[in-house]
Protein backbone atom coordinates (compact mmCIF):
# COMPACT_ATOMS: atom_id res chain seq x y z
CA MET A 1 121.81 81.51 101.26
CA ASN A 2 121.30 83.75 104.63
CA GLU A 3 118.54 86.47 104.17
CA ASP A 4 121.02 89.07 106.02
CA THR A 5 123.83 88.42 103.45
CA CYS A 6 122.21 87.98 100.14
CA THR A 7 121.95 90.46 97.57
CA ASN A 8 118.74 91.82 97.56
CA PHE A 9 117.65 92.73 93.76
CA TRP A 10 114.50 94.54 94.48
CA GLY A 11 115.92 96.41 97.56
CA ASP A 12 115.85 95.77 101.31
CA LYS A 13 113.11 93.65 102.72
CA ASP A 14 110.45 95.90 104.31
CA THR A 15 107.57 93.48 104.45
CA SER A 16 105.96 93.28 107.96
CA ILE A 17 105.93 89.50 107.93
CA SER A 18 108.96 86.81 107.19
CA PHE A 19 109.11 83.52 105.67
CA CYS A 20 111.16 80.65 106.14
CA GLU A 21 112.11 80.15 102.42
CA ALA A 22 115.97 80.97 101.74
CA LYS A 23 116.18 84.43 99.75
CA TYR A 24 117.57 84.87 96.40
CA ASP A 25 119.18 81.28 96.31
CA LYS A 26 117.72 80.27 92.72
CA VAL A 27 117.35 83.13 90.64
CA LEU A 28 118.88 86.76 90.96
CA TRP A 29 115.86 88.27 90.58
CA ILE A 30 113.20 86.39 92.43
CA ALA A 31 113.39 86.60 96.18
CA GLU A 32 111.50 83.56 97.42
CA TYR A 33 111.44 81.39 94.34
CA TYR A 34 108.97 78.34 95.42
CA ASN A 35 106.47 80.52 97.23
CA THR A 36 106.71 82.73 94.33
CA ILE A 37 106.11 80.05 91.75
CA SER A 38 103.35 78.82 93.65
CA SER A 39 101.52 81.71 94.16
CA PHE A 40 100.53 81.40 90.20
CA SER A 41 97.83 78.43 91.36
CA TYR A 42 95.82 81.58 93.14
CA ILE A 43 95.31 82.81 89.44
CA LEU A 44 94.85 79.72 87.97
CA ALA A 45 92.24 78.59 90.40
CA CYS A 46 90.15 81.82 89.85
CA ILE A 47 90.51 82.46 85.94
CA PRO A 48 87.66 80.27 85.23
CA PHE A 49 85.30 82.23 86.68
CA ILE A 50 86.22 85.48 85.37
CA ASN A 51 83.29 85.61 83.01
CA THR A 52 80.40 84.38 85.53
CA LYS A 53 78.27 86.13 88.28
CA LYS A 54 81.16 85.27 90.29
CA TYR A 55 83.63 87.82 88.83
CA ARG A 56 84.20 90.18 91.68
CA ILE A 57 85.11 87.10 93.69
CA ALA A 58 87.46 85.70 91.05
CA TRP A 59 88.95 88.74 90.08
CA SER A 60 89.83 89.18 93.77
CA GLY A 61 91.55 86.00 93.73
CA VAL A 62 93.49 86.70 90.97
CA GLY A 63 94.85 89.93 92.95
CA ILE A 64 95.68 87.68 95.81
CA GLY A 65 97.91 85.91 93.42
CA VAL A 66 99.59 88.83 91.76
CA GLY A 67 100.05 90.32 94.96
CA SER A 68 101.29 87.03 96.58
CA ILE A 69 103.85 86.75 93.27
CA MET A 70 104.80 90.41 94.15
CA LEU A 71 105.21 89.93 97.73
CA HIS A 72 107.56 86.89 97.61
CA GLY A 73 109.16 87.86 94.39
CA THR A 74 110.50 91.09 96.25
CA MET A 75 110.00 90.79 99.79
CA ARG A 76 108.66 94.49 99.42
CA TYR A 77 105.80 96.23 101.25
CA TYR A 78 103.97 96.98 98.21
CA GLY A 79 103.95 93.48 97.16
CA GLN A 80 102.42 92.83 100.83
CA TRP A 81 99.77 95.55 100.48
CA LEU A 82 98.20 94.02 96.96
CA ASP A 83 98.38 90.39 98.37
CA GLU A 84 96.47 91.38 101.64
CA ILE A 85 94.19 93.89 100.36
CA SER A 86 93.26 91.47 97.67
CA MET A 87 92.64 88.95 100.80
CA ILE A 88 90.23 91.30 102.31
CA MET A 89 88.51 91.91 99.06
CA PHE A 90 88.40 88.43 98.04
CA SER A 91 86.45 87.86 101.55
CA TYR A 92 84.33 91.08 101.20
CA HIS A 93 82.99 89.97 97.94
CA LEU A 94 82.34 86.48 99.13
CA LEU A 95 80.40 87.62 101.78
CA ARG A 96 78.32 90.23 99.56
CA TYR A 97 77.75 87.45 97.61
CA VAL A 98 76.18 85.07 100.01
CA ASP A 99 74.81 88.09 102.39
CA MET A 100 73.50 90.90 100.21
CA ARG A 101 72.60 92.74 103.09
CA PHE A 102 76.26 92.97 104.27
CA PRO A 103 77.17 96.79 104.21
CA ARG A 104 79.36 97.92 101.56
CA LEU A 105 82.03 98.65 103.93
CA TRP A 106 85.25 97.76 101.46
CA MET A 107 86.78 101.35 101.45
CA MET A 108 86.55 101.24 105.52
CA PHE A 109 88.29 97.56 105.52
CA CYS A 110 91.17 99.02 103.29
CA GLY A 111 91.44 102.19 105.22
CA ILE A 112 91.84 100.31 108.71
CA TYR A 113 94.05 98.02 106.75
CA LEU A 114 96.52 100.83 105.03
CA THR A 115 96.54 102.51 108.74
CA HIS A 116 97.73 99.17 110.37
CA TRP A 117 99.19 96.91 108.02
CA GLN A 118 102.42 96.32 110.16
CA TYR A 119 100.51 94.33 112.24
CA PHE A 120 99.48 91.06 110.79
CA LEU A 121 96.97 90.63 113.32
CA THR A 122 95.10 93.43 111.31
CA THR A 123 94.90 91.39 108.53
CA VAL A 124 94.10 88.24 109.93
CA THR A 125 91.09 89.79 111.89
CA ILE A 126 89.45 91.15 109.14
CA PHE A 127 90.02 88.33 106.82
CA THR A 128 89.06 85.90 109.13
CA SER A 129 86.06 87.39 110.51
CA MET A 130 84.47 87.67 107.02
CA GLN A 131 85.46 83.97 106.00
CA ILE A 132 83.82 82.69 109.06
CA ARG A 133 80.81 84.65 108.43
CA ALA A 134 80.35 83.47 104.92
CA PHE A 135 81.02 79.99 105.79
CA ASN A 136 78.42 80.35 108.37
CA ILE A 137 75.86 81.35 106.03
CA LEU A 138 76.60 78.57 103.58
CA LEU A 139 76.38 76.07 106.16
CA GLN A 140 72.82 76.96 107.39
CA ARG A 141 71.90 76.81 103.73
CA ARG A 142 72.15 73.41 104.04
CA GLU A 143 73.76 73.10 100.37
CA ASN A 144 76.49 71.33 98.74
CA HIS A 145 78.12 70.29 101.97
CA ILE A 146 80.35 67.92 100.89
CA TYR A 147 82.13 70.88 98.78
CA LEU A 148 82.45 72.77 102.24
CA TYR A 149 83.72 69.75 103.89
CA PHE A 150 86.50 69.62 101.17
CA TYR A 151 86.79 73.62 101.28
CA SER A 152 87.37 73.42 105.03
CA LEU A 153 89.43 69.93 104.76
CA PHE A 154 91.87 71.70 102.01
CA PHE A 155 92.11 75.29 103.84
CA CYS A 156 93.15 73.00 107.21
CA ILE A 157 95.53 71.22 105.82
CA GLY A 158 96.98 74.44 104.19
CA PHE A 159 96.88 76.59 107.04
CA THR A 160 99.11 73.76 109.19
CA CYS A 161 101.65 73.98 106.47
CA TRP A 162 101.54 78.04 107.25
CA LEU A 163 101.77 77.33 111.12
CA LEU A 164 104.57 74.77 110.49
CA ASP A 165 106.54 77.39 108.31
CA GLN A 166 106.03 80.33 110.57
CA PHE A 167 106.80 78.65 113.99
CA PHE A 168 109.24 75.63 113.03
CA CYS A 169 111.20 77.20 110.67
CA PRO A 170 114.85 75.50 110.96
CA ALA A 171 113.15 72.03 111.20
CA VAL A 172 110.85 72.45 108.04
CA GLN A 173 112.75 74.81 105.91
CA GLU A 174 113.77 72.21 103.30
CA TYR A 175 109.90 71.14 102.77
CA GLN A 176 108.74 74.78 101.31
CA LEU A 177 105.54 74.26 103.51
CA HIS A 178 104.70 77.92 102.53
CA ALA A 179 104.63 77.03 99.04
CA PHE A 180 102.13 74.31 99.94
CA TRP A 181 100.04 76.70 101.83
CA HIS A 182 99.61 78.39 98.53
CA ILE A 183 98.60 75.14 96.49
CA PHE A 184 95.95 73.92 99.34
CA THR A 185 94.38 77.33 99.75
CA SER A 186 93.99 77.75 95.97
CA ILE A 187 92.11 74.37 96.02
CA SER A 188 90.14 75.58 98.65
CA ILE A 189 89.46 78.66 96.86
CA PHE A 190 88.57 76.92 93.58
CA LEU A 191 85.64 74.55 95.73
CA ASN A 192 84.57 77.67 97.30
CA ILE A 193 83.82 79.50 94.26
CA LYS A 194 82.70 76.68 91.99
CA TYR A 195 80.16 75.60 94.40
CA LEU A 196 78.55 78.94 95.45
CA LYS A 197 74.87 79.26 93.56
CA ASP A 198 74.91 81.68 90.37
């Protein structure tokens, strides 16, 4: 069903980003069925760490899952806000966990995001810069390199799926590649959290 001709159960789409999956073609009240269902993988990846010292990272990961479910389930801005703010908070708490000297700037990051959320590059820049910084710190410690390798591998496979879904939609729509982005990055998140030192 075409996005322009479907009945929008949650109202008209007002997110600043679009995805390849057909809208409302499986269930009346789920905008993107496969993308929504696969978003539960973030919650499953993070729940094992809720009662550990890594709980802030884990709760942020759960937030990514809930936000992604809301985003893909409704295609509304509030789902996008929760999804992307949780991504930023995940990176922030990860970076603070591996480098306590990193300043407490989460309110600033959230403020920048909320005033520029329509520009996806804002989210990508904040999220990616903190991820790269945390990854470099872990790499320099020379600990658990094999897990960093698999973390990177699964993330790169997922990111490839994301790129194909975004830029080659007509050719790949039937493969639901954005759903695979969720699954592969959930595995990456699980490995990342699990092998951080307590």
